[in-house]
Each structure stands twice: as structure tokens, then as C-alpha cells.
Amino acid sequence: MGVLTLATALTGLSLSLLCTALTWGALHLARTTRPEKE
């Protein structure tokens, strides 16, 4: 039971970190593609 709970928590944490990394990557890519030179 404890192992299953730990695995679920780790999976949720990994998905959260992945979403965060993807969001940061998208923002960085957009900022690099379209620099604010106006």
C-alpha cells in the first residue's frame, strides 16, 4: 500500500514537473523567436 502511494505521488510530481518544464520551454522559445525589439 505504501509503495503504491509513493509511486502515485512520484508519478504526479513527475507530470507536474514535466508540465512546468514544457511551459517554461514554450515561453522561452516564444521569447527567443520573437524578441522585443519594438
C-alpha atoms as a PDB file:
ATOM      1  CA  MET A   1       0.000   0.000   0.000  1.00  0.00           C
ATOM      2  CA  GLY A   2       2.767   2.407   0.946  1.00  0.00           C
ATOM      3  CA  VAL A   3       4.717   1.595  -2.206  1.00  0.00           C
ATOM      4  CA  LEU A   4       1.670   2.230  -4.376  1.00  0.00           C
ATOM      5  CA  THR A   5       1.059   5.565  -2.670  1.00  0.00           C
ATOM      6  CA  LEU A   6       4.710   6.532  -3.123  1.00  0.00           C
ATOM      7  CA  ALA A   7       4.628   5.541  -6.797  1.00  0.00           C
ATOM      8  CA  THR A   8       1.460   7.566  -7.347  1.00  0.00           C
ATOM      9  CA  ALA A   9       2.979  10.596  -5.632  1.00  0.00           C
ATOM     10  CA  LEU A  10       6.170  10.323  -7.694  1.00  0.00           C
ATOM     11  CA  THR A  11       4.166   9.974 -10.911  1.00  0.00           C
ATOM     12  CA  GLY A  12       2.084  13.033 -10.088  1.00  0.00           C
ATOM     13  CA  LEU A  13       5.197  15.015  -9.193  1.00  0.00           C
ATOM     14  CA  SER A  14       6.928  13.962 -12.415  1.00  0.00           C
ATOM     15  CA  LEU A  15       3.916  15.005 -14.501  1.00  0.00           C
ATOM     16  CA  SER A  16       3.763  18.329 -12.688  1.00  0.00           C
ATOM     17  CA  LEU A  17       7.461  18.976 -13.286  1.00  0.00           C
ATOM     18  CA  LEU A  18       7.095  17.938 -16.928  1.00  0.00           C
ATOM     19  CA  CYS A  19       4.208  20.364 -17.455  1.00  0.00           C
ATOM     20  CA  THR A  20       6.198  23.127 -15.774  1.00  0.00           C
ATOM     21  CA  ALA A  21       9.254  22.409 -17.927  1.00  0.00           C
ATOM     22  CA  LEU A  22       7.142  22.402 -21.094  1.00  0.00           C
ATOM     23  CA  THR A  23       5.528  25.707 -20.127  1.00  0.00           C
ATOM     24  CA  TRP A  24       8.894  27.344 -19.379  1.00  0.00           C
ATOM     25  CA  GLY A  25      10.311  25.917 -22.623  1.00  0.00           C
ATOM     26  CA  ALA A  26       7.400  27.270 -24.656  1.00  0.00           C
ATOM     27  CA  LEU A  27       7.711  30.729 -23.075  1.00  0.00           C
ATOM     28  CA  HIS A  28      11.470  30.780 -23.625  1.00  0.00           C
ATOM     29  CA  LEU A  29      11.070  29.621 -27.230  1.00  0.00           C
ATOM     30  CA  ALA A  30       8.422  32.262 -27.934  1.00  0.00           C
ATOM     31  CA  ARG A  31      10.586  34.956 -26.359  1.00  0.00           C
ATOM     32  CA  THR A  32      13.605  33.824 -28.400  1.00  0.00           C
ATOM     33  CA  THR A  33      11.651  33.583 -31.646  1.00  0.00           C
ATOM     34  CA  ARG A  34      10.020  36.969 -31.222  1.00  0.00           C
ATOM     35  CA  PRO A  35      12.436  39.260 -29.361  1.00  0.00           C
ATOM     36  CA  GLU A  36      11.008  42.513 -28.064  1.00  0.00           C
ATOM     37  CA  LYS A  37      12.808  44.922 -30.382  1.00  0.00           C
ATOM     38  CA  GLU A  38       9.884  47.296 -30.829  1.00  0.00           C
END
